[in-house]
Amino acid sequence: GGPQCPQALIISPTRELACQIYNEARKFSYETIVKTVVVYG
């Protein structure tokens, strides 16, 4: 219910690139506790 406070913010100009960066982050953080989220229009 409260706002989420991420430690790292990556801003991308396009939706497709944002999704690609998100998938790379998912890959590298696999089996860790780092939670990655992507938001785009």
Full PDB file with SEQRES, HELIX, SHEET, SSBOND, CRYST1, ORIGX, SCALE, CONECT and MASTER records, all heavy atoms in Angstrom:
SEQRES   1 A   41  GLY GLY PRO GLN CYS PRO GLN ALA LEU ILE ILE SER PRO          
SEQRES   2 A   41  THR ARG GLU LEU ALA CYS GLN ILE TYR ASN GLU ALA ARG          
SEQRES   3 A   41  LYS PHE SER TYR GLU THR ILE VAL LYS THR VAL VAL VAL          
SEQRES   4 A   41  TYR GLY                                                      
HELIX    1 AA1 ARG A   15  PHE A   28  1                                  14    
CRYST1    1.000    1.000    1.000  90.00  90.00  90.00 P 1           1          
ORIGX1      1.000000  0.000000  0.000000        0.00000                         
ORIGX2      0.000000  1.000000  0.000000        0.00000                         
ORIGX3      0.000000  0.000000  1.000000        0.00000                         
SCALE1      1.000000  0.000000  0.000000        0.00000                         
SCALE2      0.000000  1.000000  0.000000        0.00000                         
SCALE3      0.000000  0.000000  1.000000        0.00000                         
ATOM      1  N   GLY A   1       0.797  -1.219   0.000  1.00  0.00           N  
ATOM      2  CA  GLY A   1       0.000   0.000   0.000  1.00  0.00           C  
ATOM      3  C   GLY A   1       0.827   1.265   0.000  1.00  0.00           C  
ATOM      4  O   GLY A   1       0.378   2.295  -0.494  1.00  0.00           O  
ATOM      5  N   GLY A   2       2.016   1.223   0.584  1.00  0.00           N  
ATOM      6  CA  GLY A   2       2.871   2.400   0.595  1.00  0.00           C  
ATOM      7  C   GLY A   2       3.706   2.464  -0.665  1.00  0.00           C  
ATOM      8  O   GLY A   2       3.781   1.508  -1.432  1.00  0.00           O  
ATOM      9  N   PRO A   3       4.376   3.601  -0.902  1.00  0.00           N  
ATOM     10  CA  PRO A   3       5.218   3.702  -2.103  1.00  0.00           C  
ATOM     11  C   PRO A   3       6.438   2.800  -2.000  1.00  0.00           C  
ATOM     12  O   PRO A   3       6.994   2.629  -0.913  1.00  0.00           O  
ATOM     13  CB  PRO A   3       5.626   5.183  -2.128  1.00  0.00           C  
ATOM     14  CG  PRO A   3       5.522   5.636  -0.707  1.00  0.00           C  
ATOM     15  CD  PRO A   3       4.400   4.847  -0.111  1.00  0.00           C  
ATOM     16  N   GLN A   4       6.831   2.212  -3.104  1.00  0.00           N  
ATOM     17  CA  GLN A   4       8.072   1.443  -3.158  1.00  0.00           C  
ATOM     18  C   GLN A   4       9.238   2.403  -3.351  1.00  0.00           C  
ATOM     19  O   GLN A   4       9.121   3.407  -4.057  1.00  0.00           O  
ATOM     20  CB  GLN A   4       8.024   0.429  -4.288  1.00  0.00           C  
ATOM     21  CG  GLN A   4       7.170  -0.793  -3.984  1.00  0.00           C  
ATOM     22  CD  GLN A   4       7.770  -1.658  -2.880  1.00  0.00           C  
ATOM     23  OE1 GLN A   4       8.977  -1.794  -2.775  1.00  0.00           O  
ATOM     24  NE2 GLN A   4       6.916  -2.243  -2.047  1.00  0.00           N  
ATOM     25  N   CYS A   5      10.355   2.087  -2.713  1.00  0.00           N  
ATOM     26  CA  CYS A   5      11.524   2.977  -2.738  1.00  0.00           C  
ATOM     27  C   CYS A   5      12.722   2.239  -3.338  1.00  0.00           C  
ATOM     28  O   CYS A   5      13.573   1.716  -2.604  1.00  0.00           O  
ATOM     29  CB  CYS A   5      11.867   3.446  -1.332  1.00  0.00           C  
ATOM     30  SG  CYS A   5      10.514   4.289  -0.484  1.00  0.00           S  
ATOM     31  N   PRO A   6      12.807   2.156  -4.664  1.00  0.00           N  
ATOM     32  CA  PRO A   6      13.935   1.433  -5.274  1.00  0.00           C  
ATOM     33  C   PRO A   6      15.256   2.118  -4.979  1.00  0.00           C  
ATOM     34  O   PRO A   6      15.320   3.324  -4.758  1.00  0.00           O  
ATOM     35  CB  PRO A   6      13.605   1.480  -6.778  1.00  0.00           C  
ATOM     36  CG  PRO A   6      12.687   2.647  -6.941  1.00  0.00           C  
ATOM     37  CD  PRO A   6      11.895   2.731  -5.675  1.00  0.00           C  
ATOM     38  N   GLN A   7      16.318   1.294  -4.980  1.00  0.00           N  
ATOM     39  CA  GLN A   7      17.671   1.827  -4.809  1.00  0.00           C  
ATOM     40  C   GLN A   7      18.284   2.269  -6.125  1.00  0.00           C  
ATOM     41  O   GLN A   7      19.121   3.168  -6.153  1.00  0.00           O  
ATOM     42  CB  GLN A   7      18.578   0.746  -4.211  1.00  0.00           C  
ATOM     43  CG  GLN A   7      18.630   0.734  -2.706  1.00  0.00           C  
ATOM     44  CD  GLN A   7      19.420  -0.467  -2.221  1.00  0.00           C  
ATOM     45  OE1 GLN A   7      18.873  -1.559  -2.151  1.00  0.00           O  
ATOM     46  NE2 GLN A   7      20.671  -0.285  -1.908  1.00  0.00           N  
ATOM     47  N   ALA A   8      17.889   1.593  -7.190  1.00  0.00           N  
ATOM     48  CA  ALA A   8      18.466   1.890  -8.505  1.00  0.00           C  
ATOM     49  C   ALA A   8      17.340   2.161  -9.493  1.00  0.00           C  
ATOM     50  O   ALA A   8      16.325   1.460  -9.497  1.00  0.00           O  
ATOM     51  CB  ALA A   8      19.334   0.728  -8.995  1.00  0.00           C  
ATOM     52  N   LEU A   9      17.542   3.184 -10.320  1.00  0.00           N  
ATOM     53  CA  LEU A   9      16.564   3.559 -11.342  1.00  0.00           C  
ATOM     54  C   LEU A   9      17.271   3.651 -12.688  1.00  0.00           C  
ATOM     55  O   LEU A   9      18.238   4.395 -12.835  1.00  0.00           O  
ATOM     56  CB  LEU A   9      15.928   4.905 -10.999  1.00  0.00           C  
ATOM     57  CG  LEU A   9      15.036   5.528 -12.081  1.00  0.00           C  
ATOM     58  CD1 LEU A   9      13.824   4.653 -12.371  1.00  0.00           C  
ATOM     59  CD2 LEU A   9      14.586   6.940 -11.652  1.00  0.00           C  
ATOM     60  N   ILE A  10      16.791   2.868 -13.649  1.00  0.00           N  
ATOM     61  CA  ILE A  10      17.316   2.909 -15.020  1.00  0.00           C  
ATOM     62  C   ILE A  10      16.225   3.479 -15.910  1.00  0.00           C  
ATOM     63  O   ILE A  10      15.119   2.934 -15.979  1.00  0.00           O  
ATOM     64  CB  ILE A  10      17.712   1.506 -15.519  1.00  0.00           C  
ATOM     65  CG1 ILE A  10      18.741   0.875 -14.574  1.00  0.00           C  
ATOM     66  CG2 ILE A  10      18.261   1.568 -16.942  1.00  0.00           C  
ATOM     67  CD1 ILE A  10      18.980  -0.608 -14.824  1.00  0.00           C  
ATOM     68  N   ILE A  11      16.517   4.595 -16.578  1.00  0.00           N  
ATOM     69  CA  ILE A  11      15.529   5.226 -17.455  1.00  0.00           C  
ATOM     70  C   ILE A  11      15.955   4.998 -18.901  1.00  0.00           C  
ATOM     71  O   ILE A  11      17.102   5.234 -19.282  1.00  0.00           O  
ATOM     72  CB  ILE A  11      15.379   6.729 -17.169  1.00  0.00           C  
ATOM     73  CG1 ILE A  11      15.200   6.987 -15.669  1.00  0.00           C  
ATOM     74  CG2 ILE A  11      14.188   7.296 -17.930  1.00  0.00           C  
ATOM     75  CD1 ILE A  11      15.029   8.450 -15.295  1.00  0.00           C  
ATOM     76  N   SER A  12      14.995   4.540 -19.705  1.00  0.00           N  
ATOM     77  CA  SER A  12      15.241   4.186 -21.109  1.00  0.00           C  
ATOM     78  C   SER A  12      14.284   4.958 -21.999  1.00  0.00           C  
ATOM     79  O   SER A  12      13.143   5.214 -21.612  1.00  0.00           O  
ATOM     80  CB  SER A  12      15.041   2.670 -21.281  1.00  0.00           C  
ATOM     81  OG  SER A  12      14.688   2.353 -22.603  1.00  0.00           O  
ATOM     82  N   PRO A  13      14.705   5.304 -23.229  1.00  0.00           N  
ATOM     83  CA  PRO A  13      13.835   6.099 -24.093  1.00  0.00           C  
ATOM     84  C   PRO A  13      12.702   5.319 -24.753  1.00  0.00           C  
ATOM     85  O   PRO A  13      11.719   5.915 -25.169  1.00  0.00           O  
ATOM     86  CB  PRO A  13      14.790   6.667 -25.146  1.00  0.00           C  
ATOM     87  CG  PRO A  13      15.907   5.686 -25.204  1.00  0.00           C  
ATOM     88  CD  PRO A  13      16.050   5.156 -23.814  1.00  0.00           C  
ATOM     89  N   THR A  14      12.831   4.000 -24.885  1.00  0.00           N  
ATOM     90  CA  THR A  14      11.790   3.239 -25.585  1.00  0.00           C  
ATOM     91  C   THR A  14      11.323   2.058 -24.742  1.00  0.00           C  
ATOM     92  O   THR A  14      12.055   1.523 -23.904  1.00  0.00           O  
ATOM     93  CB  THR A  14      12.284   2.702 -26.943  1.00  0.00           C  
ATOM     94  OG1 THR A  14      13.275   1.689 -26.731  1.00  0.00           O  
ATOM     95  CG2 THR A  14      12.852   3.814 -27.813  1.00  0.00           C  
ATOM     96  N   ARG A  15      10.087   1.632 -25.007  1.00  0.00           N  
ATOM     97  CA  ARG A  15       9.510   0.510 -24.284  1.00  0.00           C  
ATOM     98  C   ARG A  15      10.295  -0.772 -24.547  1.00  0.00           C  
ATOM     99  O   ARG A  15      10.545  -1.560 -23.629  1.00  0.00           O  
ATOM    100  CB  ARG A  15       8.053   0.328 -24.720  1.00  0.00           C  
ATOM    101  CG  ARG A  15       7.175   1.530 -24.473  1.00  0.00           C  
ATOM    102  CD  ARG A  15       5.830   1.375 -25.181  1.00  0.00           C  
ATOM    103  NE  ARG A  15       4.977   2.540 -24.994  1.00  0.00           N  
ATOM    104  CZ  ARG A  15       3.758   2.648 -25.515  1.00  0.00           C  
ATOM    105  NH1 ARG A  15       3.270   1.660 -26.265  1.00  0.00           N  
ATOM    106  NH2 ARG A  15       3.038   3.723 -25.304  1.00  0.00           N  
ATOM    107  N   GLU A  16      10.668  -0.965 -25.811  1.00  0.00           N  
ATOM    108  CA  GLU A  16      11.360  -2.204 -26.178  1.00  0.00           C  
ATOM    109  C   GLU A  16      12.719  -2.303 -25.489  1.00  0.00           C  
ATOM    110  O   GLU A  16      13.113  -3.379 -25.019  1.00  0.00           O  
ATOM    111  CB  GLU A  16      11.531  -2.273 -27.695  1.00  0.00           C  
ATOM    112  CG  GLU A  16      10.247  -2.561 -28.455  1.00  0.00           C  
ATOM    113  CD  GLU A  16       9.275  -1.375 -28.508  1.00  0.00           C  
ATOM    114  OE1 GLU A  16       9.728  -0.214 -28.369  1.00  0.00           O  
ATOM    115  OE2 GLU A  16       8.064  -1.611 -28.694  1.00  0.00           O  
ATOM    116  N   LEU A  17      13.435  -1.182 -25.408  1.00  0.00           N  
ATOM    117  CA  LEU A  17      14.737  -1.204 -24.741  1.00  0.00           C  
ATOM    118  C   LEU A  17      14.566  -1.403 -23.237  1.00  0.00           C  
ATOM    119  O   LEU A  17      15.352  -2.117 -22.605  1.00  0.00           O  
ATOM    120  CB  LEU A  17      15.507   0.089 -25.034  1.00  0.00           C  
ATOM    121  CG  LEU A  17      16.915   0.185 -24.454  1.00  0.00           C  
ATOM    122  CD1 LEU A  17      17.768  -1.015 -24.844  1.00  0.00           C  
ATOM    123  CD2 LEU A  17      17.590   1.488 -24.889  1.00  0.00           C  
ATOM    124  N   ALA A  18      13.544  -0.800 -22.650  1.00  0.00           N  
ATOM    125  CA  ALA A  18      13.283  -1.007 -21.220  1.00  0.00           C  
ATOM    126  C   ALA A  18      13.058  -2.488 -20.923  1.00  0.00           C  
ATOM    127  O   ALA A  18      13.598  -3.026 -19.953  1.00  0.00           O  
ATOM    128  CB  ALA A  18      12.069  -0.186 -20.786  1.00  0.00           C  
ATOM    129  N   CYS A  19      12.270  -3.167 -21.768  1.00  0.00           N  
ATOM    130  CA  CYS A  19      12.027  -4.605 -21.567  1.00  0.00           C  
ATOM    131  C   CYS A  19      13.310  -5.408 -21.706  1.00  0.00           C  
ATOM    132  O   CYS A  19      13.544  -6.369 -20.963  1.00  0.00           O  
ATOM    133  CB  CYS A  19      10.990  -5.099 -22.578  1.00  0.00           C  
ATOM    134  SG  CYS A  19       9.332  -4.460 -22.295  1.00  0.00           S  
ATOM    135  N   GLN A  20      14.153  -5.018 -22.647  1.00  0.00           N  
ATOM    136  CA  GLN A  20      15.414  -5.737 -22.865  1.00  0.00           C  
ATOM    137  C   GLN A  20      16.343  -5.589 -21.658  1.00  0.00           C  
ATOM    138  O   GLN A  20      16.955  -6.566 -21.204  1.00  0.00           O  
ATOM    139  CB  GLN A  20      16.087  -5.191 -24.121  1.00  0.00           C  
ATOM    140  CG  GLN A  20      17.356  -5.927 -24.518  1.00  0.00           C  
ATOM    141  CD  GLN A  20      17.859  -5.453 -25.877  1.00  0.00           C  
ATOM    142  OE1 GLN A  20      17.263  -5.745 -26.895  1.00  0.00           O  
ATOM    143  NE2 GLN A  20      18.934  -4.698 -25.881  1.00  0.00           N  
ATOM    144  N   ILE A  21      16.447  -4.377 -21.119  1.00  0.00           N  
ATOM    145  CA  ILE A  21      17.282  -4.152 -19.933  1.00  0.00           C  
ATOM    146  C   ILE A  21      16.731  -4.952 -18.749  1.00  0.00           C  
ATOM    147  O   ILE A  21      17.485  -5.565 -17.986  1.00  0.00           O  
ATOM    148  CB  ILE A  21      17.338  -2.648 -19.590  1.00  0.00           C  
ATOM    149  CG1 ILE A  21      18.030  -1.866 -20.710  1.00  0.00           C  
ATOM    150  CG2 ILE A  21      18.075  -2.427 -18.263  1.00  0.00           C  
ATOM    151  CD1 ILE A  21      17.869  -0.357 -20.580  1.00  0.00           C  
ATOM    152  N   TYR A  22      15.408  -4.949 -18.608  1.00  0.00           N  
ATOM    153  CA  TYR A  22      14.761  -5.707 -17.532  1.00  0.00           C  
ATOM    154  C   TYR A  22      15.115  -7.188 -17.623  1.00  0.00           C  
ATOM    155  O   TYR A  22      15.450  -7.821 -16.615  1.00  0.00           O  
ATOM    156  CB  TYR A  22      13.243  -5.498 -17.621  1.00  0.00           C  
ATOM    157  CG  TYR A  22      12.426  -6.485 -16.823  1.00  0.00           C  
ATOM    158  CD1 TYR A  22      12.420  -6.457 -15.433  1.00  0.00           C  
ATOM    159  CD2 TYR A  22      11.644  -7.444 -17.468  1.00  0.00           C  
ATOM    160  CE1 TYR A  22      11.654  -7.362 -14.707  1.00  0.00           C  
ATOM    161  CE2 TYR A  22      10.885  -8.354 -16.743  1.00  0.00           C  
ATOM    162  CZ  TYR A  22      10.901  -8.313 -15.364  1.00  0.00           C  
ATOM    163  OH  TYR A  22      10.157  -9.212 -14.643  1.00  0.00           O  
ATOM    164  N   ASN A  23      15.071  -7.747 -18.819  1.00  0.00           N  
ATOM    165  CA  ASN A  23      15.386  -9.176 -18.974  1.00  0.00           C  
ATOM    166  C   ASN A  23      16.855  -9.462 -18.673  1.00  0.00           C  
ATOM    167  O   ASN A  23      17.192 -10.515 -18.120  1.00  0.00           O  
ATOM    168  CB  ASN A  23      15.012  -9.641 -20.374  1.00  0.00           C  
ATOM    169  CG  ASN A  23      13.515  -9.827 -20.541  1.00  0.00           C  
ATOM    170  OD1 ASN A  23      12.836 -10.279 -19.622  1.00  0.00           O  
ATOM    171  ND2 ASN A  23      12.979  -9.462 -21.693  1.00  0.00           N  
ATOM    172  N   GLU A  24      17.748  -8.518 -19.029  1.00  0.00           N  
ATOM    173  CA  GLU A  24      19.159  -8.678 -18.659  1.00  0.00           C  
ATOM    174  C   GLU A  24      19.326  -8.639 -17.145  1.00  0.00           C  
ATOM    175  O   GLU A  24      20.079  -9.418 -16.561  1.00  0.00           O  
ATOM    176  CB  GLU A  24      19.999  -7.572 -19.312  1.00  0.00           C  
ATOM    177  CG  GLU A  24      20.213  -7.728 -20.798  1.00  0.00           C  
ATOM    178  CD  GLU A  24      21.122  -8.909 -21.118  1.00  0.00           C  
ATOM    179  OE1 GLU A  24      22.335  -8.815 -20.865  1.00  0.00           O  
ATOM    180  OE2 GLU A  24      20.605  -9.935 -21.607  1.00  0.00           O  
ATOM    181  N   ALA A  25      18.609  -7.730 -16.487  1.00  0.00           N  
ATOM    182  CA  ALA A  25      18.697  -7.630 -15.033  1.00  0.00           C  
ATOM    183  C   ALA A  25      18.138  -8.889 -14.366  1.00  0.00           C  
ATOM    184  O   ALA A  25      18.698  -9.382 -13.372  1.00  0.00           O  
ATOM    185  CB  ALA A  25      17.933  -6.392 -14.557  1.00  0.00           C  
ATOM    186  N   ARG A  26      17.045  -9.435 -14.905  1.00  0.00           N  
ATOM    187  CA  ARG A  26      16.490 -10.694 -14.377  1.00  0.00           C  
ATOM    188  C   ARG A  26      17.516 -11.806 -14.479  1.00  0.00           C  
ATOM    189  O   ARG A  26      17.666 -12.629 -13.570  1.00  0.00           O  
ATOM    190  CB  ARG A  26      15.243 -11.098 -15.177  1.00  0.00           C  
ATOM    191  CG  ARG A  26      13.968 -10.440 -14.779  1.00  0.00           C  
ATOM    192  CD  ARG A  26      12.745 -11.186 -15.321  1.00  0.00           C  
ATOM    193  NE  ARG A  26      12.912 -11.699 -16.664  1.00  0.00           N  
ATOM    194  CZ  ARG A  26      12.724 -12.971 -17.007  1.00  0.00           C  
ATOM    195  NH1 ARG A  26      12.404 -13.872 -16.112  1.00  0.00           N  
ATOM    196  NH2 ARG A  26      12.865 -13.357 -18.267  1.00  0.00           N  
ATOM    197  N   LYS A  27      18.219 -11.842 -15.598  1.00  0.00           N  
ATOM    198  CA  LYS A  27      19.210 -12.886 -15.838  1.00  0.00           C  
ATOM    199  C   LYS A  27      20.356 -12.796 -14.824  1.00  0.00           C  
ATOM    200  O   LYS A  27      20.709 -13.790 -14.178  1.00  0.00           O  
ATOM    201  CB  LYS A  27      19.745 -12.759 -17.274  1.00  0.00           C  
ATOM    202  CG  LYS A  27      20.852 -13.730 -17.621  1.00  0.00           C  
ATOM    203  CD  LYS A  27      21.221 -13.611 -19.091  1.00  0.00           C  
ATOM    204  CE  LYS A  27      21.980 -12.345 -19.400  1.00  0.00           C  
ATOM    205  NZ  LYS A  27      22.416 -12.277 -20.814  1.00  0.00           N  
ATOM    206  N   PHE A  28      20.921 -11.606 -14.687  1.00  0.00           N  
ATOM    207  CA  PHE A  28      22.075 -11.465 -13.800  1.00  0.00           C  
ATOM    208  C   PHE A  28      21.697 -11.619 -12.325  1.00  0.00           C  
ATOM    209  O   PHE A  28      22.528 -12.012 -11.510  1.00  0.00           O  
ATOM    210  CB  PHE A  28      22.769 -10.122 -14.027  1.00  0.00           C  
ATOM    211  CG  PHE A  28      23.476 -10.009 -15.348  1.00  0.00           C  
ATOM    212  CD1 PHE A  28      23.303  -8.894 -16.149  1.00  0.00           C  
ATOM    213  CD2 PHE A  28      24.295 -11.021 -15.804  1.00  0.00           C  
ATOM    214  CE1 PHE A  28      23.952  -8.783 -17.377  1.00  0.00           C  
ATOM    215  CE2 PHE A  28      24.948 -10.933 -17.018  1.00  0.00           C  
ATOM    216  CZ  PHE A  28      24.769  -9.801 -17.812  1.00  0.00           C  
ATOM    217  N   SER A  29      20.444 -11.285 -11.972  1.00  0.00           N  
ATOM    218  CA  SER A  29      20.029 -11.374 -10.571  1.00  0.00           C  
ATOM    219  C   SER A  29      19.346 -12.705 -10.247  1.00  0.00           C  
ATOM    220  O   SER A  29      18.782 -12.874  -9.161  1.00  0.00           O  
ATOM    221  CB  SER A  29      19.080 -10.217 -10.228  1.00  0.00           C  
ATOM    222  OG  SER A  29      17.898 -10.273 -11.004  1.00  0.00           O  
ATOM    223  N   TYR A  30      19.394 -13.646 -11.182  1.00  0.00           N  
ATOM    224  CA  TYR A  30      18.779 -14.956 -10.997  1.00  0.00           C  
ATOM    225  C   TYR A  30      19.284 -15.608  -9.708  1.00  0.00           C  
ATOM    226  O   TYR A  30      20.487 -15.617  -9.421  1.00  0.00           O  
ATOM    227  CB  TYR A  30      19.124 -15.836 -12.206  1.00  0.00           C  
ATOM    228  CG  TYR A  30      18.536 -17.223 -12.206  1.00  0.00           C  
ATOM    229  CD1 TYR A  30      17.159 -17.415 -12.288  1.00  0.00           C  
ATOM    230  CD2 TYR A  30      19.352 -18.351 -12.141  1.00  0.00           C  
ATOM    231  CE1 TYR A  30      16.608 -18.699 -12.308  1.00  0.00           C  
ATOM    232  CE2 TYR A  30      18.824 -19.639 -12.177  1.00  0.00           C  
ATOM    233  CZ  TYR A  30      17.453 -19.794 -12.251  1.00  0.00           C  
ATOM    234  OH  TYR A  30      16.920 -21.063 -12.267  1.00  0.00           O  
ATOM    235  N   GLU A  31      18.355 -16.095  -8.899  1.00  0.00           N  
ATOM    236  CA  GLU A  31      18.638 -16.744  -7.608  1.00  0.00           C  
ATOM    237  C   GLU A  31      19.294 -15.801  -6.599  1.00  0.00           C  
ATOM    238  O   GLU A  31      20.078 -16.223  -5.747  1.00  0.00           O  
ATOM    239  CB  GLU A  31      19.471 -18.018  -7.797  1.00  0.00           C  
ATOM    240  CG  GLU A  31      18.708 -19.109  -8.558  1.00  0.00           C  
ATOM    241  CD  GLU A  31      19.404 -20.458  -8.545  1.00  0.00           C  
ATOM    242  OE1 GLU A  31      20.636 -20.486  -8.421  1.00  0.00           O  
ATOM    243  OE2 GLU A  31      18.697 -21.484  -8.650  1.00  0.00           O  
ATOM    244  N   THR A  32      18.984 -14.510  -6.706  1.00  0.00           N  
ATOM    245  CA  THR A  32      19.355 -13.552  -5.661  1.00  0.00           C  
ATOM    246  C   THR A  32      18.061 -12.930  -5.137  1.00  0.00           C  
ATOM    247  O   THR A  32      16.976 -13.172  -5.659  1.00  0.00           O  
ATOM    248  CB  THR A  32      20.277 -12.425  -6.183  1.00  0.00           C  
ATOM    249  OG1 THR A  32      19.510 -11.516  -7.004  1.00  0.00           O  
ATOM    250  CG2 THR A  32      21.443 -12.990  -6.979  1.00  0.00           C  
ATOM    251  N   ILE A  33      18.191 -12.074  -4.107  1.00  0.00           N  
ATOM    252  CA  ILE A  33      17.000 -11.436  -3.529  1.00  0.00           C  
ATOM    253  C   ILE A  33      16.707 -10.086  -4.175  1.00  0.00           C  
ATOM    254  O   ILE A  33      15.792  -9.381  -3.739  1.00  0.00           O  
ATOM    255  CB  ILE A  33      17.159 -11.276  -2.005  1.00  0.00           C  
ATOM    256  CG1 ILE A  33      18.406 -10.441  -1.675  1.00  0.00           C  
ATOM    257  CG2 ILE A  33      17.212 -12.631  -1.322  1.00  0.00           C  
ATOM    258  CD1 ILE A  33      18.529 -10.117  -0.185  1.00  0.00           C  
ATOM    259  N   VAL A  34      17.452  -9.700  -5.192  1.00  0.00           N  
ATOM    260  CA  VAL A  34      17.208  -8.423  -5.873  1.00  0.00           C  
ATOM    261  C   VAL A  34      15.910  -8.522  -6.677  1.00  0.00           C  
ATOM    262  O   VAL A  34      15.755  -9.398  -7.526  1.00  0.00           O  
ATOM    263  CB  VAL A  34      18.379  -8.062  -6.815  1.00  0.00           C  
ATOM    264  CG1 VAL A  34      18.062  -6.782  -7.590  1.00  0.00           C  
ATOM    265  CG2 VAL A  34      19.666  -7.896  -6.026  1.00  0.00           C  
ATOM    266  N   LYS A  35      14.969  -7.630  -6.388  1.00  0.00           N  
ATOM    267  CA  LYS A  35      13.692  -7.594  -7.098  1.00  0.00           C  
ATOM    268  C   LYS A  35      13.729  -6.505  -8.162  1.00  0.00           C  
ATOM    269  O   LYS A  35      13.919  -5.323  -7.839  1.00  0.00           O  
ATOM    270  CB  LYS A  35      12.538  -7.342  -6.121  1.00  0.00           C  
ATOM    271  CG  LYS A  35      12.298  -8.481  -5.148  1.00  0.00           C  
ATOM    272  CD  LYS A  35      11.105  -8.196  -4.247  1.00  0.00           C  
ATOM    273  CE  LYS A  35      10.833  -9.363  -3.306  1.00  0.00           C  
ATOM    274  NZ  LYS A  35       9.685  -9.083  -2.409  1.00  0.00           N  
ATOM    275  N   THR A  36      13.560  -6.922  -9.413  1.00  0.00           N  
ATOM    276  CA  THR A  36      13.585  -6.001 -10.545  1.00  0.00           C  
ATOM    277  C   THR A  36      12.193  -5.871 -11.129  1.00  0.00           C  
ATOM    278  O   THR A  36      11.487  -6.873 -11.300  1.00  0.00           O  
ATOM    279  CB  THR A  36      14.560  -6.507 -11.631  1.00  0.00           C  
ATOM    280  OG1 THR A  36      15.863  -6.638 -11.063  1.00  0.00           O  
ATOM    281  CG2 THR A  36      14.619  -5.547 -12.799  1.00  0.00           C  
ATOM    282  N   VAL A  37      11.790  -4.637 -11.423  1.00  0.00           N  
ATOM    283  CA  VAL A  37      10.480  -4.373 -12.021  1.00  0.00           C  
ATOM    284  C   VAL A  37      10.679  -3.443 -13.211  1.00  0.00           C  
ATOM    285  O   VAL A  37      11.564  -2.581 -13.196  1.00  0.00           O  
ATOM    286  CB  VAL A  37       9.511  -3.727 -11.005  1.00  0.00           C  
ATOM    287  CG1 VAL A  37       8.146  -3.448 -11.651  1.00  0.00           C  
ATOM    288  CG2 VAL A  37       9.335  -4.613  -9.779  1.00  0.00           C  
ATOM    289  N   VAL A  38       9.843  -3.614 -14.249  1.00  0.00           N  
ATOM    290  CA  VAL A  38       9.869  -2.722 -15.407  1.00  0.00           C  
ATOM    291  C   VAL A  38       8.501  -2.076 -15.552  1.00  0.00           C  
ATOM    292  O   VAL A  38       7.466  -2.729 -15.386  1.00  0.00           O  
ATOM    293  CB  VAL A  38      10.268  -3.482 -16.698  1.00  0.00           C  
ATOM    294  CG1 VAL A  38       9.284  -4.584 -17.046  1.00  0.00           C  
ATOM    295  CG2 VAL A  38      10.420  -2.503 -17.872  1.00  0.00           C  
ATOM    296  N   VAL A  39       8.481  -0.766 -15.836  1.00  0.00           N  
ATOM    297  CA  VAL A  39       7.219  -0.059 -16.094  1.00  0.00           C  
ATOM    298  C   VAL A  39       7.373   0.770 -17.363  1.00  0.00           C  
ATOM    299  O   VAL A  39       8.378   1.447 -17.566  1.00  0.00           O  
ATOM    300  CB  VAL A  39       6.789   0.828 -14.904  1.00  0.00           C  
ATOM    301  CG1 VAL A  39       6.551  -0.024 -13.663  1.00  0.00           C  
ATOM    302  CG2 VAL A  39       7.789   1.926 -14.593  1.00  0.00           C  
ATOM    303  N   TYR A  40       6.360   0.693 -18.216  1.00  0.00           N  
ATOM    304  CA  TYR A  40       6.383   1.419 -19.484  1.00  0.00           C  
ATOM    305  C   TYR A  40       4.961   1.566 -19.995  1.00  0.00           C  
ATOM    306  O   TYR A  40       4.033   0.878 -19.527  1.00  0.00           O  
ATOM    307  CB  TYR A  40       7.267   0.698 -20.509  1.00  0.00           C  
ATOM    308  CG  TYR A  40       6.901  -0.743 -20.767  1.00  0.00           C  
ATOM    309  CD1 TYR A  40       6.077  -1.112 -21.816  1.00  0.00           C  
ATOM    310  CD2 TYR A  40       7.398  -1.760 -19.943  1.00  0.00           C  
ATOM    311  CE1 TYR A  40       5.743  -2.441 -22.049  1.00  0.00           C  
ATOM    312  CE2 TYR A  40       7.064  -3.091 -20.158  1.00  0.00           C  
ATOM    313  CZ  TYR A  40       6.241  -3.417 -21.212  1.00  0.00           C  
ATOM    314  OH  TYR A  40       5.903  -4.735 -21.435  1.00  0.00           O  
ATOM    315  N   GLY A  41       4.755   2.448 -20.941  1.00  0.00           N  
ATOM    316  CA  GLY A  41       3.430   2.742 -21.454  1.00  0.00           C  
ATOM    317  C   GLY A  41       2.880   1.634 -22.337  1.00  0.00           C  
ATOM    318  O   GLY A  41       3.590   0.729 -22.756  1.00  0.00           O  
TER     319      GLY A  41                                                      
MASTER        0    0    0    1    0    0    0    6  318    1    0    4          
END                                                                             
